[in-house]
Protein backbone atom coordinates (compact mmCIF):
# COMPACT_ATOMS: atom_id res chain seq x y z
CA MET A 1 -22.67 51.57 26.33
CA SER A 2 -22.66 54.61 24.10
CA ALA A 3 -21.84 54.00 20.43
CA THR A 4 -19.46 56.98 20.61
CA PRO A 5 -17.45 56.58 23.84
CA ASN A 6 -16.30 60.21 23.92
CA ARG A 7 -19.86 61.61 23.88
CA LEU A 8 -20.84 62.45 27.44
CA ALA A 9 -23.80 64.79 27.13
CA GLY A 10 -26.25 66.44 24.81
CA THR A 11 -29.19 64.12 24.23
CA ALA A 12 -31.93 62.58 26.35
CA PHE A 13 -34.90 60.46 25.30
CA VAL A 14 -37.74 60.12 27.82
CA SER A 15 -40.72 57.79 27.86
CA VAL A 16 -43.42 57.25 30.47
CA ASP A 17 -45.19 53.89 30.47
CA GLY A 18 -43.89 53.39 26.94
CA VAL A 19 -45.10 56.76 25.57
CA SER A 20 -42.27 58.98 24.26
CA TYR A 21 -42.14 62.69 25.05
CA MET A 22 -40.14 65.46 23.35
CA VAL A 23 -37.40 66.72 25.69
CA ALA A 24 -36.75 70.42 25.16
CA GLY A 25 -33.98 70.56 27.76
CA ASP A 26 -33.02 70.67 31.42
CA PHE A 27 -33.07 66.91 32.02
CA GLU A 28 -31.86 65.79 35.45
CA TYR A 29 -32.17 62.85 37.79
CA SER A 30 -31.22 61.75 41.27
CA PRO A 31 -31.11 58.14 42.47
CA SER A 32 -30.36 59.37 46.00
CA THR A 33 -32.18 57.61 48.81
CA LEU A 34 -30.80 59.60 51.74
CA SER A 35 -30.60 63.25 52.73
CA ARG A 36 -28.02 64.26 55.30
CA GLU A 37 -27.70 67.46 57.29
CA THR A 38 -24.66 68.42 59.34
CA LEU A 39 -25.40 69.01 63.03
CA ALA A 40 -23.10 71.71 64.34
CA GLY A 41 -23.04 73.02 67.87
CA MET A 42 -21.50 76.10 69.40
CA ASP A 43 -18.34 74.14 70.18
CA THR A 44 -17.79 71.84 67.16
CA VAL A 45 -19.49 69.70 64.56
CA HIS A 46 -21.41 66.97 66.38
CA GLY A 47 -22.25 64.73 63.44
CA PHE A 48 -25.18 64.56 61.06
CA SER A 49 -28.83 63.62 60.81
CA GLU A 50 -30.09 61.36 58.07
CA LYS A 51 -33.54 60.79 56.62
CA PRO A 52 -34.93 59.04 53.55
CA THR A 53 -35.60 61.04 50.41
CA ALA A 54 -37.35 60.26 47.15
CA GLY A 55 -35.36 59.85 43.96
CA HIS A 56 -36.44 62.06 41.08
CA ILE A 57 -36.37 62.53 37.34
CA SER A 58 -37.20 65.88 35.78
CA ALA A 59 -37.19 67.42 32.34
CA THR A 60 -38.51 70.32 30.36
CA LEU A 61 -40.85 68.79 27.79
CA ARG A 62 -42.08 70.30 24.55
CA ASP A 63 -45.84 70.90 24.50
CA SER A 64 -46.75 69.16 21.26
CA GLY A 65 -50.31 69.42 19.99
CA GLY A 66 -51.24 65.97 21.29
CA LEU A 67 -49.81 66.40 24.79
CA SER A 68 -52.25 66.91 27.68
CA VAL A 69 -50.92 68.93 30.61
CA ALA A 70 -53.71 67.47 32.76
CA SER A 71 -52.47 63.94 31.95
CA LEU A 72 -48.99 64.87 33.22
CA ASN A 73 -50.50 66.12 36.47
CA ALA A 74 -52.53 62.91 36.87
CA MET A 75 -49.48 60.61 36.58
CA ASP A 76 -49.22 58.17 39.47
CA ASN A 77 -47.53 54.75 39.63
CA VAL A 78 -45.77 55.26 36.27
CA THR A 79 -42.45 53.99 34.95
CA VAL A 80 -40.16 56.72 33.58
CA VAL A 81 -37.26 55.63 31.34
CA ALA A 82 -34.56 57.97 30.05
CA GLU A 83 -31.76 57.14 27.63
CA LEU A 84 -28.79 59.52 27.85
CA ALA A 85 -26.01 60.44 25.43
CA ASN A 86 -23.37 58.76 27.62
CA GLY A 87 -25.09 55.38 27.27
CA LYS A 88 -26.82 55.36 30.65
CA THR A 89 -30.42 54.28 31.02
CA ILE A 90 -32.25 55.82 33.96
CA VAL A 91 -35.33 53.98 35.23
CA GLY A 92 -37.81 55.31 37.77
CA ARG A 93 -40.50 52.90 38.92
CA ASN A 94 -43.82 53.61 40.63
CA MET A 95 -43.31 57.35 40.18
CA TRP A 96 -45.70 60.28 40.50
CA THR A 97 -45.58 63.89 39.33
CA VAL A 98 -45.00 66.65 41.88
CA GLU A 99 -45.42 70.40 41.73
CA THR A 100 -47.72 72.04 39.18
CA GLN A 101 -47.18 71.58 35.47
CA THR A 102 -47.85 74.63 33.31
CA SER A 103 -47.36 75.17 29.59
CA LYS A 104 -45.41 78.24 28.51
CA ALA A 105 -46.80 79.60 25.24
CA ALA A 106 -43.63 81.51 24.28
CA ASP A 107 -41.62 78.33 23.66
CA ALA A 108 -44.20 75.55 24.18
CA THR A 109 -42.41 74.02 27.18
CA ILE A 110 -43.60 72.28 30.34
CA GLU A 111 -41.40 71.57 33.36
CA VAL A 112 -42.18 68.14 34.81
CA LYS A 113 -40.76 66.42 37.88
CA TRP A 114 -41.45 62.82 38.86
CA GLU A 115 -40.55 61.45 42.29
CA GLY A 116 -40.52 57.91 43.59
CA ILE A 117 -38.89 55.35 45.82
CA SER A 118 -36.80 53.72 43.08
CA VAL A 119 -34.59 55.56 40.54
CA THR A 120 -31.76 53.47 39.15
CA GLU A 121 -28.87 53.94 36.71
CA GLN A 122 -28.07 51.14 34.28
């Protein structure tokens, strides 16, 4: 539980396999396990289709001098833990990075997205 119950947003602390990373912004997560799509016909809505989807955790990290962009890209079977301002702890297990990670020199940021089978809120 958050030490200040009225604080809902504003901070996020992220670690991967116990190593902390600087979060510059744009943190988000999804524990969703299903993706649904409405199936509409010419006459009416018929129902929906459903398929499994990976949960994800993503953040814009700060490219500190000791951070290796290549190491972010190589992440596979990692545990991602995030502590949020509202007191929630988000845990992603057996995760891997997706998309391409690039460092932006103007503000030293890297957008990173991890996906996996298990993302939970505690």
